Amino acid sequence: MDGRAALDTKKIDNNIKKLRMYPWFNELYEHEEHHRSFVANIKVRKYLESSIRVSRLLNKEREQKRFIRMFEEVEQVRNK
């Protein structure tokens, strides 16, 4: 163990379940190329582990745009 706390997979899964009720999120989640980031990318998973961040995503369009931008940046790095 290197001292880092493990991510709470159950919490992440529950937050994804909440977000999947929204078309903008579901479109990202179901896209085959993007889906892998939800499962394997630490930055995306850490973001989705936070209930506060997820609450902001549910309530603020600005946060949704930030999340999508972050997600696209992660995808660009992955595809290099």
N, C-alpha and C. Protein backbone atom coordinates (compact mmCIF):
# COMPACT_ATOMS: atom_id res chain seq x y z
N MET A 1 0.84 -1.18 0.00
CA MET A 1 0.00 0.00 0.00
C MET A 1 0.88 1.24 0.00
N ASP A 2 0.55 2.22 -0.82
CA ASP A 2 1.39 3.40 -0.92
C ASP A 2 0.86 4.60 -0.13
N GLY A 3 -0.10 4.40 0.74
CA GLY A 3 -0.60 5.47 1.59
C GLY A 3 -1.81 6.20 1.04
N ARG A 4 -2.15 5.96 -0.21
CA ARG A 4 -3.34 6.61 -0.78
C ARG A 4 -4.59 5.84 -0.40
N ALA A 5 -5.64 6.56 -0.15
CA ALA A 5 -6.91 5.92 0.18
C ALA A 5 -7.53 5.36 -1.10
N ALA A 6 -8.13 4.21 -0.98
CA ALA A 6 -8.81 3.60 -2.13
C ALA A 6 -10.09 4.37 -2.43
N LEU A 7 -10.45 4.37 -3.70
CA LEU A 7 -11.70 5.01 -4.09
C LEU A 7 -12.89 4.17 -3.63
N ASP A 8 -13.97 4.83 -3.32
CA ASP A 8 -15.20 4.17 -2.88
C ASP A 8 -16.05 3.83 -4.10
N THR A 9 -15.86 2.64 -4.62
CA THR A 9 -16.53 2.21 -5.85
C THR A 9 -18.05 2.24 -5.72
N LYS A 10 -18.55 1.84 -4.56
CA LYS A 10 -20.00 1.84 -4.36
C LYS A 10 -20.57 3.26 -4.45
N LYS A 11 -19.86 4.21 -3.87
CA LYS A 11 -20.29 5.61 -3.91
C LYS A 11 -20.25 6.14 -5.35
N ILE A 12 -19.19 5.80 -6.07
CA ILE A 12 -19.06 6.22 -7.47
C ILE A 12 -20.20 5.63 -8.29
N ASP A 13 -20.47 4.36 -8.11
CA ASP A 13 -21.56 3.70 -8.86
C ASP A 13 -22.91 4.34 -8.55
N ASN A 14 -23.15 4.66 -7.28
CA ASN A 14 -24.42 5.31 -6.91
C ASN A 14 -24.53 6.70 -7.53
N ASN A 15 -23.42 7.43 -7.55
CA ASN A 15 -23.45 8.76 -8.15
C ASN A 15 -23.65 8.68 -9.66
N ILE A 16 -23.05 7.70 -10.30
CA ILE A 16 -23.26 7.50 -11.74
C ILE A 16 -24.73 7.16 -11.99
N LYS A 17 -25.29 6.34 -11.14
CA LYS A 17 -26.71 5.97 -11.28
C LYS A 17 -27.60 7.21 -11.23
N LYS A 18 -27.32 8.13 -10.31
CA LYS A 18 -28.08 9.39 -10.22
C LYS A 18 -27.93 10.20 -11.50
N LEU A 19 -26.70 10.32 -11.96
CA LEU A 19 -26.42 11.14 -13.13
C LEU A 19 -26.99 10.56 -14.41
N ARG A 20 -27.13 9.25 -14.46
CA ARG A 20 -27.65 8.60 -15.68
C ARG A 20 -29.10 8.96 -15.97
N MET A 21 -29.76 9.59 -15.03
CA MET A 21 -31.14 10.04 -15.27
C MET A 21 -31.18 11.29 -16.15
N TYR A 22 -30.01 11.86 -16.42
CA TYR A 22 -29.93 13.08 -17.20
C TYR A 22 -29.35 12.79 -18.58
N PRO A 23 -30.05 13.23 -19.63
CA PRO A 23 -29.62 12.92 -21.00
C PRO A 23 -28.19 13.35 -21.33
N TRP A 24 -27.77 14.52 -20.88
CA TRP A 24 -26.43 15.01 -21.21
C TRP A 24 -25.36 14.06 -20.68
N PHE A 25 -25.60 13.50 -19.47
CA PHE A 25 -24.64 12.58 -18.87
C PHE A 25 -24.74 11.21 -19.53
N ASN A 26 -25.95 10.76 -19.73
CA ASN A 26 -26.17 9.44 -20.31
C ASN A 26 -25.53 9.33 -21.69
N GLU A 27 -25.57 10.42 -22.44
CA GLU A 27 -24.95 10.44 -23.76
C GLU A 27 -23.44 10.18 -23.66
N LEU A 28 -22.78 10.82 -22.70
CA LEU A 28 -21.36 10.57 -22.48
C LEU A 28 -21.11 9.14 -22.02
N TYR A 29 -21.92 8.72 -21.06
CA TYR A 29 -21.72 7.42 -20.43
C TYR A 29 -21.89 6.26 -21.41
N GLU A 30 -22.84 6.38 -22.31
CA GLU A 30 -23.12 5.28 -23.22
C GLU A 30 -22.25 5.28 -24.47
N HIS A 31 -21.53 6.35 -24.71
CA HIS A 31 -20.63 6.40 -25.86
C HIS A 31 -19.50 5.40 -25.64
N GLU A 32 -19.33 4.48 -26.54
CA GLU A 32 -18.39 3.37 -26.37
C GLU A 32 -16.96 3.84 -26.06
N GLU A 33 -16.48 4.83 -26.78
CA GLU A 33 -15.12 5.31 -26.57
C GLU A 33 -14.95 5.96 -25.19
N HIS A 34 -15.98 6.65 -24.73
CA HIS A 34 -15.90 7.35 -23.45
C HIS A 34 -16.13 6.44 -22.25
N HIS A 35 -16.87 5.40 -22.44
CA HIS A 35 -17.28 4.55 -21.31
C HIS A 35 -16.07 4.05 -20.51
N ARG A 36 -14.99 3.77 -21.19
CA ARG A 36 -13.80 3.25 -20.51
C ARG A 36 -13.27 4.22 -19.46
N SER A 37 -13.39 5.52 -19.71
CA SER A 37 -12.91 6.50 -18.73
C SER A 37 -13.71 6.44 -17.44
N PHE A 38 -14.98 6.12 -17.52
CA PHE A 38 -15.80 6.01 -16.32
C PHE A 38 -15.35 4.83 -15.45
N VAL A 39 -14.79 3.83 -16.08
CA VAL A 39 -14.38 2.62 -15.39
C VAL A 39 -12.92 2.69 -14.94
N ALA A 40 -12.06 3.29 -15.76
CA ALA A 40 -10.62 3.16 -15.51
C ALA A 40 -9.87 4.45 -15.20
N ASN A 41 -10.43 5.61 -15.52
CA ASN A 41 -9.66 6.83 -15.32
C ASN A 41 -9.81 7.37 -13.91
N ILE A 42 -8.69 7.51 -13.22
CA ILE A 42 -8.68 7.91 -11.82
C ILE A 42 -9.23 9.33 -11.64
N LYS A 43 -8.92 10.23 -12.55
CA LYS A 43 -9.40 11.62 -12.44
C LYS A 43 -10.92 11.68 -12.52
N VAL A 44 -11.49 10.97 -13.48
CA VAL A 44 -12.94 10.94 -13.65
C VAL A 44 -13.59 10.26 -12.44
N ARG A 45 -13.01 9.15 -11.98
CA ARG A 45 -13.59 8.42 -10.86
C ARG A 45 -13.51 9.22 -9.55
N LYS A 46 -12.41 9.92 -9.34
CA LYS A 46 -12.30 10.77 -8.13
C LYS A 46 -13.35 11.87 -8.16
N TYR A 47 -13.55 12.45 -9.33
CA TYR A 47 -14.56 13.50 -9.47
C TYR A 47 -15.94 12.95 -9.12
N LEU A 48 -16.25 11.77 -9.64
CA LEU A 48 -17.57 11.18 -9.43
C LEU A 48 -17.74 10.58 -8.04
N GLU A 49 -16.67 10.45 -7.29
CA GLU A 49 -16.76 9.94 -5.92
C GLU A 49 -17.35 11.00 -4.98
N SER A 50 -17.20 12.27 -5.34
CA SER A 50 -17.65 13.36 -4.48
C SER A 50 -19.14 13.64 -4.65
N SER A 51 -19.89 13.46 -3.59
CA SER A 51 -21.33 13.74 -3.63
C SER A 51 -21.59 15.22 -3.83
N ILE A 52 -20.70 16.06 -3.33
CA ILE A 52 -20.86 17.51 -3.50
C ILE A 52 -20.72 17.88 -4.97
N ARG A 53 -19.69 17.35 -5.62
CA ARG A 53 -19.50 17.64 -7.05
C ARG A 53 -20.67 17.11 -7.88
N VAL A 54 -21.14 15.92 -7.54
CA VAL A 54 -22.26 15.33 -8.29
C VAL A 54 -23.51 16.16 -8.09
N SER A 55 -23.73 16.65 -6.88
CA SER A 55 -24.87 17.52 -6.61
C SER A 55 -24.80 18.78 -7.47
N ARG A 56 -23.61 19.35 -7.58
CA ARG A 56 -23.42 20.53 -8.44
C ARG A 56 -23.71 20.19 -9.89
N LEU A 57 -23.27 19.00 -10.33
CA LEU A 57 -23.54 18.58 -11.70
C LEU A 57 -25.04 18.48 -11.97
N LEU A 58 -25.78 18.03 -10.98
CA LEU A 58 -27.22 17.87 -11.13
C LEU A 58 -27.94 19.21 -11.20
N ASN A 59 -27.35 20.23 -10.57
CA ASN A 59 -28.07 21.49 -10.40
C ASN A 59 -27.54 22.68 -11.18
N LYS A 60 -26.33 22.56 -11.73
CA LYS A 60 -25.73 23.73 -12.37
C LYS A 60 -25.18 23.39 -13.75
N GLU A 61 -25.71 24.08 -14.74
CA GLU A 61 -25.27 23.86 -16.12
C GLU A 61 -23.78 24.18 -16.28
N ARG A 62 -23.31 25.18 -15.56
CA ARG A 62 -21.89 25.54 -15.64
C ARG A 62 -21.00 24.38 -15.20
N GLU A 63 -21.39 23.68 -14.14
CA GLU A 63 -20.63 22.52 -13.66
C GLU A 63 -20.68 21.38 -14.68
N GLN A 64 -21.82 21.24 -15.33
CA GLN A 64 -21.93 20.21 -16.37
C GLN A 64 -20.94 20.48 -17.50
N LYS A 65 -20.85 21.75 -17.90
CA LYS A 65 -19.91 22.12 -18.97
C LYS A 65 -18.47 21.88 -18.53
N ARG A 66 -18.15 22.20 -17.28
CA ARG A 66 -16.81 21.95 -16.75
C ARG A 66 -16.47 20.46 -16.76
N PHE A 67 -17.44 19.66 -16.33
CA PHE A 67 -17.24 18.22 -16.30
C PHE A 67 -16.99 17.69 -17.71
N ILE A 68 -17.78 18.13 -18.66
CA ILE A 68 -17.63 17.68 -20.04
C ILE A 68 -16.26 18.09 -20.59
N ARG A 69 -15.82 19.32 -20.28
CA ARG A 69 -14.49 19.78 -20.70
C ARG A 69 -13.40 18.91 -20.09
N MET A 70 -13.52 18.65 -18.77
CA MET A 70 -12.54 17.80 -18.10
C MET A 70 -12.52 16.41 -18.75
N PHE A 71 -13.68 15.90 -19.01
CA PHE A 71 -13.82 14.58 -19.60
C PHE A 71 -13.16 14.54 -20.98
N GLU A 72 -13.39 15.59 -21.78
CA GLU A 72 -12.79 15.65 -23.12
C GLU A 72 -11.27 15.74 -23.04
N GLU A 73 -10.75 16.48 -22.05
CA GLU A 73 -9.30 16.57 -21.87
C GLU A 73 -8.71 15.20 -21.52
N VAL A 74 -9.39 14.48 -20.65
CA VAL A 74 -8.95 13.13 -20.27
C VAL A 74 -8.92 12.23 -21.52
N GLU A 75 -9.93 12.35 -22.34
CA GLU A 75 -10.01 11.54 -23.55
C GLU A 75 -8.89 11.88 -24.53
N GLN A 76 -8.56 13.17 -24.66
CA GLN A 76 -7.48 13.59 -25.56
C GLN A 76 -6.15 12.99 -25.11
N VAL A 77 -5.88 13.03 -23.82
CA VAL A 77 -4.64 12.46 -23.29
C VAL A 77 -4.62 10.96 -23.54
N ARG A 78 -5.74 10.30 -23.31
CA ARG A 78 -5.81 8.85 -23.48
C ARG A 78 -5.59 8.44 -24.94
N ASN A 79 -6.04 9.28 -25.86
CA ASN A 79 -5.95 8.94 -27.27
C ASN A 79 -4.64 9.32 -27.93
N LYS A 80 -3.71 9.90 -27.18
CA LYS A 80 -2.41 10.28 -27.76
C LYS A 80 -1.53 9.07 -27.96
